[in-house]
Amino acid sequence: MADTDAHPITVAIERRIDPTRTAEATSWMQAGTDLATAFPGFLGSGWVRAGEDSDLWYMLYRFRDITTLEEWESSPQRQWWLDSGRPFAREERSERRTGIEGWFDAPHGSILEAATVTDAGTQPIQQPVPPAPPRWKQAVTIWVGFFPTNLLASWLLGFIPGFAEVPLVLRVLATTLMLTPVMTYAVLPWVTRMLQPWLQRPRRSRKAQP
């Protein structure tokens, strides 16, 4: 647990929604997001429907670490929200995930916990996890984001009087301290969204030689 405590945790939840109460469910899902936003460690959330005529709805939310996640999940605010949705929303499955692959596709990170919800309670399930993109694609994606970001930062820092005379080690230290959060919270998530079709494109199978 010590290792996962230090990593952001993404929770994926699958629910079945009464199709006659779609408008109510939409407001309910948004209310849950608004409640989570006020909690420490909240990093973002979202929800989608499996299809226009499907009763399957998926929700994702992400917290800084396991401690802040559990504070949200055990809070009376979340319990009130869950109770208010029981007449039209039934939870089918939930998973917690973490891992560097989460940058490239959050649902494909390492599974910390998987469960299915039934009348008898919460039961563990077995579910295959699609592989993350190949390492070379991950490397290309990071470079695509890092190169223009570093180039722009180097150009802008050149306008600071005396910066070029600062020792190399200190210049690199300042640059990396500045660019690391920019890459983590802005550039890399945006680049991976733009490249998602390419990142998740299945590998072509080689044709058998005659």
C-alpha atoms as a PDB file:
ATOM      1  CA  MET A   1       0.000   0.000   0.000  1.00  0.00           C
ATOM      2  CA  ALA A   2       2.918   2.375   0.659  1.00  0.00           C
ATOM      3  CA  ASP A   3       3.744   2.525  -3.033  1.00  0.00           C
ATOM      4  CA  THR A   4       0.196   3.231  -4.210  1.00  0.00           C
ATOM      5  CA  ASP A   5      -0.274   5.890  -1.509  1.00  0.00           C
ATOM      6  CA  ALA A   6       2.069   8.172  -3.450  1.00  0.00           C
ATOM      7  CA  HIS A   7       0.312   7.852  -6.814  1.00  0.00           C
ATOM      8  CA  PRO A   8      -2.896   9.375  -8.169  1.00  0.00           C
ATOM      9  CA  ILE A   9      -5.786   6.907  -8.194  1.00  0.00           C
ATOM     10  CA  THR A  10      -8.407   6.761 -10.934  1.00  0.00           C
ATOM     11  CA  VAL A  11     -11.749   5.135 -10.159  1.00  0.00           C
ATOM     12  CA  ALA A  12     -13.915   3.807 -12.994  1.00  0.00           C
ATOM     13  CA  ILE A  13     -17.556   3.000 -12.217  1.00  0.00           C
ATOM     14  CA  GLU A  14     -20.112   1.343 -14.470  1.00  0.00           C
ATOM     15  CA  ARG A  15     -23.783   1.965 -13.704  1.00  0.00           C
ATOM     16  CA  ARG A  16     -27.113   1.028 -15.241  1.00  0.00           C
ATOM     17  CA  ILE A  17     -29.546   3.928 -15.446  1.00  0.00           C
ATOM     18  CA  ASP A  18     -33.321   3.760 -15.749  1.00  0.00           C
ATOM     19  CA  PRO A  19     -33.854   4.959 -19.367  1.00  0.00           C
ATOM     20  CA  THR A  20     -37.089   6.710 -18.392  1.00  0.00           C
ATOM     21  CA  ARG A  21     -35.197   8.990 -16.002  1.00  0.00           C
ATOM     22  CA  THR A  22     -32.286  10.109 -18.192  1.00  0.00           C
ATOM     23  CA  ALA A  23     -32.713  13.831 -17.492  1.00  0.00           C
ATOM     24  CA  GLU A  24     -32.766  13.218 -13.742  1.00  0.00           C
ATOM     25  CA  ALA A  25     -29.723  10.942 -13.985  1.00  0.00           C
ATOM     26  CA  THR A  26     -27.802  13.565 -15.961  1.00  0.00           C
ATOM     27  CA  SER A  27     -28.339  16.151 -13.216  1.00  0.00           C
ATOM     28  CA  TRP A  28     -27.462  13.555 -10.595  1.00  0.00           C
ATOM     29  CA  MET A  29     -24.143  12.677 -12.257  1.00  0.00           C
ATOM     30  CA  GLN A  30     -23.212  16.358 -12.517  1.00  0.00           C
ATOM     31  CA  ALA A  31     -24.122  16.885  -8.864  1.00  0.00           C
ATOM     32  CA  GLY A  32     -21.715  14.103  -7.890  1.00  0.00           C
ATOM     33  CA  THR A  33     -18.930  15.766  -9.838  1.00  0.00           C
ATOM     34  CA  ASP A  34     -19.653  19.106  -8.184  1.00  0.00           C
ATOM     35  CA  LEU A  35     -19.519  17.525  -4.721  1.00  0.00           C
ATOM     36  CA  ALA A  36     -16.199  15.773  -5.392  1.00  0.00           C
ATOM     37  CA  THR A  37     -14.633  19.002  -6.673  1.00  0.00           C
ATOM     38  CA  ALA A  38     -14.756  20.513  -3.189  1.00  0.00           C
ATOM     39  CA  PHE A  39     -12.661  17.721  -1.622  1.00  0.00           C
ATOM     40  CA  PRO A  40      -8.865  17.964  -1.140  1.00  0.00           C
ATOM     41  CA  GLY A  41      -6.839  15.975  -3.661  1.00  0.00           C
ATOM     42  CA  PHE A  42      -9.520  16.004  -6.372  1.00  0.00           C
ATOM     43  CA  LEU A  43      -7.838  15.958  -9.817  1.00  0.00           C
ATOM     44  CA  GLY A  44     -10.795  15.677 -12.175  1.00  0.00           C
ATOM     45  CA  SER A  45     -13.779  13.598 -13.239  1.00  0.00           C
ATOM     46  CA  GLY A  46     -16.124  12.908 -16.103  1.00  0.00           C
ATOM     47  CA  TRP A  47     -18.885  10.610 -17.285  1.00  0.00           C
ATOM     48  CA  VAL A  48     -20.108   9.209 -20.597  1.00  0.00           C
ATOM     49  CA  ARG A  49     -22.928   7.006 -21.864  1.00  0.00           C
ATOM     50  CA  ALA A  50     -22.137   3.789 -23.715  1.00  0.00           C
ATOM     51  CA  GLY A  51     -24.538   4.838 -26.475  1.00  0.00           C
ATOM     52  CA  GLU A  52     -27.609   6.936 -27.132  1.00  0.00           C
ATOM     53  CA  ASP A  53     -29.940   4.001 -26.497  1.00  0.00           C
ATOM     54  CA  SER A  54     -27.817   2.251 -23.871  1.00  0.00           C
ATOM     55  CA  ASP A  55     -28.586   2.192 -20.155  1.00  0.00           C
ATOM     56  CA  LEU A  56     -24.872   1.806 -19.339  1.00  0.00           C
ATOM     57  CA  TRP A  57     -23.217   4.957 -18.016  1.00  0.00           C
ATOM     58  CA  TYR A  58     -19.535   5.236 -17.075  1.00  0.00           C
ATOM     59  CA  MET A  59     -18.017   7.612 -14.551  1.00  0.00           C
ATOM     60  CA  LEU A  60     -14.341   8.364 -13.871  1.00  0.00           C
ATOM     61  CA  TYR A  61     -12.840  10.391 -11.074  1.00  0.00           C
ATOM     62  CA  ARG A  62      -9.251  10.864  -9.976  1.00  0.00           C
ATOM     63  CA  PHE A  63      -7.675  11.807  -6.643  1.00  0.00           C
ATOM     64  CA  ARG A  64      -4.130  12.669  -5.619  1.00  0.00           C
ATOM     65  CA  ASP A  65      -3.619   9.513  -3.538  1.00  0.00           C
ATOM     66  CA  ILE A  66      -5.439   6.719  -1.753  1.00  0.00           C
ATOM     67  CA  THR A  67      -5.908   8.813   1.392  1.00  0.00           C
ATOM     68  CA  THR A  68      -7.754  11.666  -0.311  1.00  0.00           C
ATOM     69  CA  LEU A  69      -9.744   9.197  -2.403  1.00  0.00           C
ATOM     70  CA  GLU A  70     -10.963   7.322   0.664  1.00  0.00           C
ATOM     71  CA  GLU A  71     -11.861  10.602   2.388  1.00  0.00           C
ATOM     72  CA  TRP A  72     -14.207  11.315  -0.515  1.00  0.00           C
ATOM     73  CA  GLU A  73     -15.578   7.800  -0.760  1.00  0.00           C
ATOM     74  CA  SER A  74     -16.358   7.594   2.984  1.00  0.00           C
ATOM     75  CA  SER A  75     -17.783  11.110   3.234  1.00  0.00           C
ATOM     76  CA  PRO A  76     -21.423  11.731   4.235  1.00  0.00           C
ATOM     77  CA  GLN A  77     -21.763  13.987   1.180  1.00  0.00           C
ATOM     78  CA  ARG A  78     -21.019  11.087  -1.184  1.00  0.00           C
ATOM     79  CA  GLN A  79     -23.278   8.746   0.779  1.00  0.00           C
ATOM     80  CA  TRP A  80     -26.140  11.244   0.499  1.00  0.00           C
ATOM     81  CA  TRP A  81     -25.488  11.561  -3.225  1.00  0.00           C
ATOM     82  CA  LEU A  82     -25.464   7.773  -3.729  1.00  0.00           C
ATOM     83  CA  ASP A  83     -28.687   7.378  -1.743  1.00  0.00           C
ATOM     84  CA  SER A  84     -30.412  10.026  -3.840  1.00  0.00           C
ATOM     85  CA  GLY A  85     -29.612   8.089  -7.016  1.00  0.00           C
ATOM     86  CA  ARG A  86     -30.630   4.599  -5.906  1.00  0.00           C
ATOM     87  CA  PRO A  87     -34.166   4.783  -7.385  1.00  0.00           C
ATOM     88  CA  PHE A  88     -32.753   5.045 -10.941  1.00  0.00           C
ATOM     89  CA  ALA A  89     -29.012   4.142 -10.822  1.00  0.00           C
ATOM     90  CA  ARG A  90     -27.553   0.714 -10.066  1.00  0.00           C
ATOM     91  CA  GLU A  91     -23.784   0.248  -9.760  1.00  0.00           C
ATOM     92  CA  GLU A  92     -22.556  -2.771 -11.723  1.00  0.00           C
ATOM     93  CA  ARG A  93     -18.780  -2.588 -11.395  1.00  0.00           C
ATOM     94  CA  SER A  94     -16.035  -0.352 -10.054  1.00  0.00           C
ATOM     95  CA  GLU A  95     -12.272  -0.373 -10.442  1.00  0.00           C
ATOM     96  CA  ARG A  96      -9.345   1.559  -9.029  1.00  0.00           C
ATOM     97  CA  ARG A  97      -6.332   2.043 -11.256  1.00  0.00           C
ATOM     98  CA  THR A  98      -2.941   3.668 -11.106  1.00  0.00           C
ATOM     99  CA  GLY A  99       0.268   3.563 -13.155  1.00  0.00           C
ATOM    100  CA  ILE A 100       2.240   5.600 -15.680  1.00  0.00           C
ATOM    101  CA  GLU A 101       0.134   4.110 -18.476  1.00  0.00           C
ATOM    102  CA  GLY A 102      -2.746   6.153 -17.072  1.00  0.00           C
ATOM    103  CA  TRP A 103      -1.410   9.119 -19.011  1.00  0.00           C
ATOM    104  CA  PHE A 104      -2.045   7.271 -22.250  1.00  0.00           C
ATOM    105  CA  ASP A 105      -5.337   5.662 -21.296  1.00  0.00           C
ATOM    106  CA  ALA A 106      -6.447   5.858 -17.680  1.00  0.00           C
ATOM    107  CA  PRO A 107      -8.581   2.696 -17.785  1.00  0.00           C
ATOM    108  CA  HIS A 108      -5.548   0.692 -18.892  1.00  0.00           C
ATOM    109  CA  GLY A 109      -3.364   1.375 -15.849  1.00  0.00           C
ATOM    110  CA  SER A 110      -2.577  -1.150 -13.176  1.00  0.00           C
ATOM    111  CA  ILE A 111      -5.767  -2.424 -11.519  1.00  0.00           C
ATOM    112  CA  LEU A 112      -5.680  -1.933  -7.744  1.00  0.00           C
ATOM    113  CA  GLU A 113      -9.201  -3.121  -7.049  1.00  0.00           C
ATOM    114  CA  ALA A 114     -11.978  -4.560  -9.174  1.00  0.00           C
ATOM    115  CA  ALA A 115     -15.463  -5.376  -7.977  1.00  0.00           C
ATOM    116  CA  THR A 116     -18.947  -6.141  -9.187  1.00  0.00           C
ATOM    117  CA  VAL A 117     -21.991  -5.102  -7.208  1.00  0.00           C
ATOM    118  CA  THR A 118     -24.867  -7.555  -6.759  1.00  0.00           C
ATOM    119  CA  ASP A 119     -27.748  -7.994  -4.359  1.00  0.00           C
ATOM    120  CA  ALA A 120     -25.501 -10.249  -2.287  1.00  0.00           C
ATOM    121  CA  GLY A 121     -22.870  -7.561  -1.932  1.00  0.00           C
ATOM    122  CA  THR A 122     -19.621  -6.604  -3.606  1.00  0.00           C
ATOM    123  CA  GLN A 123     -17.798  -9.501  -5.222  1.00  0.00           C
ATOM    124  CA  PRO A 124     -14.374  -9.615  -6.943  1.00  0.00           C
ATOM    125  CA  ILE A 125     -14.387 -10.140 -10.692  1.00  0.00           C
ATOM    126  CA  GLN A 126     -11.875 -11.136 -13.308  1.00  0.00           C
ATOM    127  CA  GLN A 127     -11.570  -8.740 -16.228  1.00  0.00           C
ATOM    128  CA  PRO A 128      -8.930  -8.640 -18.970  1.00  0.00           C
ATOM    129  CA  VAL A 129      -7.033  -5.350 -19.138  1.00  0.00           C
ATOM    130  CA  PRO A 130      -6.167  -4.057 -22.619  1.00  0.00           C
ATOM    131  CA  PRO A 131      -2.445  -3.427 -23.009  1.00  0.00           C
ATOM    132  CA  ALA A 132      -0.982   0.055 -22.858  1.00  0.00           C
ATOM    133  CA  PRO A 133       0.461   1.504 -26.062  1.00  0.00           C
ATOM    134  CA  PRO A 134       3.936   0.221 -27.046  1.00  0.00           C
ATOM    135  CA  ARG A 135       6.811   1.899 -25.249  1.00  0.00           C
ATOM    136  CA  TRP A 136       8.076   3.495 -28.452  1.00  0.00           C
ATOM    137  CA  LYS A 137       4.706   5.189 -28.968  1.00  0.00           C
ATOM    138  CA  GLN A 138       4.782   6.449 -25.394  1.00  0.00           C
ATOM    139  CA  ALA A 139       8.304   7.801 -25.982  1.00  0.00           C
ATOM    140  CA  VAL A 140       7.245   9.545 -29.211  1.00  0.00           C
ATOM    141  CA  THR A 141       4.243  11.084 -27.448  1.00  0.00           C
ATOM    142  CA  ILE A 142       6.387  12.461 -24.623  1.00  0.00           C
ATOM    143  CA  TRP A 143       8.887  13.880 -27.135  1.00  0.00           C
ATOM    144  CA  VAL A 144       6.111  15.516 -29.189  1.00  0.00           C
ATOM    145  CA  GLY A 145       5.026  17.370 -26.066  1.00  0.00           C
ATOM    146  CA  PHE A 146       8.445  18.046 -24.584  1.00  0.00           C
ATOM    147  CA  PHE A 147      10.303  19.383 -27.623  1.00  0.00           C
ATOM    148  CA  PRO A 148       8.091  22.413 -28.427  1.00  0.00           C
ATOM    149  CA  THR A 149       7.548  23.113 -24.726  1.00  0.00           C
ATOM    150  CA  ASN A 150      11.286  23.113 -24.026  1.00  0.00           C
ATOM    151  CA  LEU A 151      11.973  25.150 -27.162  1.00  0.00           C
ATOM    152  CA  LEU A 152       9.443  27.810 -26.165  1.00  0.00           C
ATOM    153  CA  ALA A 153      10.749  27.933 -22.600  1.00  0.00           C
ATOM    154  CA  SER A 154      14.369  28.276 -23.767  1.00  0.00           C
ATOM    155  CA  TRP A 155      13.396  31.109 -26.099  1.00  0.00           C
ATOM    156  CA  LEU A 156      11.455  32.964 -23.396  1.00  0.00           C
ATOM    157  CA  LEU A 157      14.194  32.503 -20.782  1.00  0.00           C
ATOM    158  CA  GLY A 158      16.648  34.040 -23.223  1.00  0.00           C
ATOM    159  CA  PHE A 159      14.950  37.390 -22.637  1.00  0.00           C
ATOM    160  CA  ILE A 160      15.831  37.343 -18.936  1.00  0.00           C
ATOM    161  CA  PRO A 161      18.924  39.538 -18.443  1.00  0.00           C
ATOM    162  CA  GLY A 162      21.913  37.542 -17.228  1.00  0.00           C
ATOM    163  CA  PHE A 163      20.209  34.147 -17.483  1.00  0.00           C
ATOM    164  CA  ALA A 164      22.732  32.934 -20.073  1.00  0.00           C
ATOM    165  CA  GLU A 165      25.550  33.620 -17.596  1.00  0.00           C
ATOM    166  CA  VAL A 166      23.991  31.444 -14.887  1.00  0.00           C
ATOM    167  CA  PRO A 167      25.913  28.150 -14.390  1.00  0.00           C
ATOM    168  CA  LEU A 168      24.597  25.323 -16.571  1.00  0.00           C
ATOM    169  CA  VAL A 169      23.498  23.163 -13.646  1.00  0.00           C
ATOM    170  CA  LEU A 170      21.382  25.963 -12.202  1.00  0.00           C
ATOM    171  CA  ARG A 171      19.866  26.778 -15.608  1.00  0.00           C
ATOM    172  CA  VAL A 172      18.860  23.152 -16.128  1.00  0.00           C
ATOM    173  CA  LEU A 173      17.523  22.947 -12.586  1.00  0.00           C
ATOM    174  CA  ALA A 174      15.366  26.032 -13.065  1.00  0.00           C
ATOM    175  CA  THR A 175      14.109  24.847 -16.444  1.00  0.00           C
ATOM    176  CA  THR A 176      13.159  21.368 -15.265  1.00  0.00           C
ATOM    177  CA  LEU A 177      11.459  22.702 -12.139  1.00  0.00           C
ATOM    178  CA  MET A 178       9.371  24.961 -14.346  1.00  0.00           C
ATOM    179  CA  LEU A 179       8.602  22.485 -17.137  1.00  0.00           C
ATOM    180  CA  THR A 180       7.821  19.379 -15.085  1.00  0.00           C
ATOM    181  CA  PRO A 181       4.434  20.606 -13.762  1.00  0.00           C
ATOM    182  CA  VAL A 182       3.613  22.129 -17.154  1.00  0.00           C
ATOM    183  CA  MET A 183       4.243  18.793 -18.862  1.00  0.00           C
ATOM    184  CA  THR A 184       2.451  16.801 -16.152  1.00  0.00           C
ATOM    185  CA  TYR A 185      -0.735  18.812 -15.820  1.00  0.00           C
ATOM    186  CA  ALA A 186      -1.131  20.493 -19.202  1.00  0.00           C
ATOM    187  CA  VAL A 187       1.006  19.365 -22.130  1.00  0.00           C
ATOM    188  CA  LEU A 188       1.109  15.586 -21.741  1.00  0.00           C
ATOM    189  CA  PRO A 189      -2.618  15.100 -21.071  1.00  0.00           C
ATOM    190  CA  TRP A 190      -3.450  17.278 -24.089  1.00  0.00           C
ATOM    191  CA  VAL A 191      -0.991  15.530 -26.413  1.00  0.00           C
ATOM    192  CA  THR A 192      -2.229  12.073 -25.422  1.00  0.00           C
ATOM    193  CA  ARG A 193      -5.817  13.110 -26.104  1.00  0.00           C
ATOM    194  CA  MET A 194      -4.845  14.365 -29.550  1.00  0.00           C
ATOM    195  CA  LEU A 195      -2.877  11.190 -30.337  1.00  0.00           C
ATOM    196  CA  GLN A 196      -5.329   8.754 -28.759  1.00  0.00           C
ATOM    197  CA  PRO A 197      -6.470   7.097 -32.040  1.00  0.00           C
ATOM    198  CA  TRP A 198      -2.842   6.455 -32.996  1.00  0.00           C
ATOM    199  CA  LEU A 199      -1.818   5.326 -29.504  1.00  0.00           C
ATOM    200  CA  GLN A 200      -4.599   2.745 -29.297  1.00  0.00           C
ATOM    201  CA  ARG A 201      -4.448   1.576 -32.918  1.00  0.00           C
ATOM    202  CA  PRO A 202      -4.031  -2.225 -32.869  1.00  0.00           C
ATOM    203  CA  ARG A 203      -0.825  -3.657 -34.207  1.00  0.00           C
ATOM    204  CA  ARG A 204      -0.921  -5.049 -37.708  1.00  0.00           C
ATOM    205  CA  SER A 205      -0.338  -8.748 -37.886  1.00  0.00           C
ATOM    206  CA  ARG A 206       2.431  -9.832 -40.206  1.00  0.00           C
ATOM    207  CA  LYS A 207       1.401 -11.865 -43.176  1.00  0.00           C
ATOM    208  CA  ALA A 208       2.678 -15.399 -43.233  1.00  0.00           C
ATOM    209  CA  GLN A 209       5.516 -15.956 -45.661  1.00  0.00           C
ATOM    210  CA  PRO A 210       4.813 -18.468 -48.456  1.00  0.00           C
END
